Amino acid sequence: MKLPEEGILLRIFIGESDTHQGRALYHEIVRKARELNMAGATVLRGMAGFGAASRIHTSRLLRLSEDLPVVIEIVDTEERVQKILPFLDETVREGLVTMEKVRIIKYRYDDEP
């Protein structure tokens, strides 16, 4: 897949325990991105963070219930990013979704087995 030099970075900030139809929300977002033939998606698990409710979430060993922050990043064309927004509007109940223009330097993959 060839991407143009300019693209859109979509970031979705949610909690690790957020779900959609009984499945991990971050997994469902990645699945939807693949279904829409987007260039790719990466899920990052945070060590600590807080959101609108100001509850601090950390990965401390003694903490029994964890709801660590998760960030899903997707870089693609603006047209393709627009296609996933209705799904995010439906599924992201708590969190933050951002978009920003980015300059794509390189996007390559080895398609040989």
Protein backbone atom coordinates (compact mmCIF):
# COMPACT_ATOMS: atom_id res chain seq x y z
CA MET A 1 0.00 0.00 0.00
CA LYS A 2 1.34 3.39 -0.95
CA LEU A 3 0.42 6.30 1.29
CA PRO A 4 0.74 9.94 0.28
CA GLU A 5 3.32 12.14 1.94
CA GLU A 6 0.63 13.82 4.05
CA GLY A 7 -1.68 11.82 6.29
CA ILE A 8 -3.79 11.88 9.42
CA LEU A 9 -2.79 10.49 12.82
CA LEU A 10 -5.84 9.26 14.69
CA ARG A 11 -5.35 8.64 18.42
CA ILE A 12 -7.95 6.98 20.60
CA PHE A 13 -7.41 7.18 24.37
CA ILE A 14 -9.47 4.62 26.31
CA GLY A 15 -9.19 2.36 29.34
CA GLU A 16 -7.86 -1.18 29.18
CA SER A 17 -11.07 -2.55 30.66
CA ASP A 18 -13.40 -0.74 28.22
CA THR A 19 -15.52 -3.18 26.23
CA HIS A 20 -17.83 -3.33 23.24
CA GLN A 21 -20.30 -6.20 22.97
CA GLY A 22 -18.37 -8.13 25.63
CA ARG A 23 -14.97 -7.83 23.93
CA ALA A 24 -12.02 -5.54 24.62
CA LEU A 25 -12.74 -2.20 22.95
CA TYR A 26 -9.14 -1.75 21.78
CA HIS A 27 -9.35 -5.11 19.99
CA GLU A 28 -12.66 -4.18 18.35
CA ILE A 29 -11.21 -0.87 17.12
CA VAL A 30 -8.22 -2.68 15.58
CA ARG A 31 -10.57 -5.24 14.02
CA LYS A 32 -12.70 -2.45 12.51
CA ALA A 33 -9.62 -0.66 11.16
CA ARG A 34 -8.54 -3.88 9.44
CA GLU A 35 -12.06 -4.43 8.09
CA LEU A 36 -11.89 -0.92 6.56
CA ASN A 37 -8.52 -1.75 4.92
CA MET A 38 -6.70 0.94 6.87
CA ALA A 39 -2.91 1.07 6.65
CA GLY A 40 -2.42 -0.27 10.19
CA ALA A 41 -3.12 0.25 13.87
CA THR A 42 -0.98 0.06 16.99
CA VAL A 43 -2.21 -0.39 20.56
CA LEU A 44 -0.04 1.09 23.31
CA ARG A 45 -0.60 0.24 26.99
CA GLY A 46 0.27 3.02 29.39
CA MET A 47 2.04 2.61 32.70
CA ALA A 48 0.09 5.43 34.34
CA GLY A 49 -2.39 8.14 33.50
CA PHE A 50 -5.61 9.90 34.36
CA GLY A 51 -8.54 11.22 32.39
CA ALA A 52 -11.57 13.44 32.81
CA ALA A 53 -12.58 11.77 36.10
CA SER A 54 -9.09 12.52 37.49
CA ARG A 55 -8.64 8.98 38.83
CA ILE A 56 -4.99 7.98 38.56
CA HIS A 57 -4.43 4.56 37.00
CA THR A 58 -1.03 2.91 37.49
CA SER A 59 0.59 -0.47 36.92
CA ARG A 60 1.79 -0.82 40.53
CA LEU A 61 2.32 -4.42 41.58
CA LEU A 62 0.07 -4.21 44.65
CA ARG A 63 -2.87 -2.78 42.74
CA LEU A 64 -5.58 -5.45 42.44
CA SER A 65 -7.87 -3.92 39.84
CA GLU A 66 -6.19 -2.38 36.84
CA ASP A 67 -7.71 -0.17 34.22
CA LEU A 68 -4.56 1.12 32.61
CA PRO A 69 -4.68 3.71 29.86
CA VAL A 70 -4.62 2.41 26.29
CA VAL A 71 -3.86 4.45 23.18
CA ILE A 72 -4.68 3.19 19.69
CA GLU A 73 -2.81 4.98 16.91
CA ILE A 74 -3.78 4.82 13.26
CA VAL A 75 -2.07 6.71 10.43
CA ASP A 76 -3.79 6.79 7.06
CA THR A 77 -5.35 9.14 4.54
CA GLU A 78 -8.00 11.56 5.76
CA GLU A 79 -10.61 9.78 3.63
CA ARG A 80 -9.93 6.42 5.31
CA VAL A 81 -9.77 7.92 8.80
CA GLN A 82 -13.18 9.53 8.25
CA LYS A 83 -14.65 6.06 7.60
CA ILE A 84 -13.88 4.77 11.11
CA LEU A 85 -15.20 7.84 12.97
CA PRO A 86 -18.86 6.70 13.08
CA PHE A 87 -17.74 3.41 14.67
CA LEU A 88 -15.73 5.32 17.29
CA ASP A 89 -18.67 7.62 17.96
CA GLU A 90 -20.80 4.54 18.65
CA THR A 91 -18.30 2.56 20.74
CA VAL A 92 -16.08 4.98 22.70
CA ARG A 93 -18.24 5.82 25.73
CA GLU A 94 -15.41 7.33 27.81
CA GLY A 95 -12.16 8.53 26.39
CA LEU A 96 -10.63 10.97 23.96
CA VAL A 97 -10.27 10.84 20.18
CA THR A 98 -7.83 13.20 18.42
CA MET A 99 -6.77 13.76 14.83
CA GLU A 100 -3.79 15.67 13.52
CA LYS A 101 -2.04 16.10 10.22
CA VAL A 102 1.25 14.24 9.92
CA ARG A 103 4.03 14.02 7.37
CA ILE A 104 4.68 10.41 6.38
CA ILE A 105 8.38 9.76 5.90
CA LYS A 106 8.31 6.07 5.13
CA TYR A 107 5.74 3.27 5.02
CA ARG A 108 7.08 -0.06 3.80
CA TYR A 109 6.53 -3.73 4.34
CA ASP A 110 8.11 -6.88 2.99
CA ASP A 111 5.46 -8.87 1.17
CA GLU A 112 7.77 -11.79 0.40
CA PRO A 113 7.28 -14.98 2.49
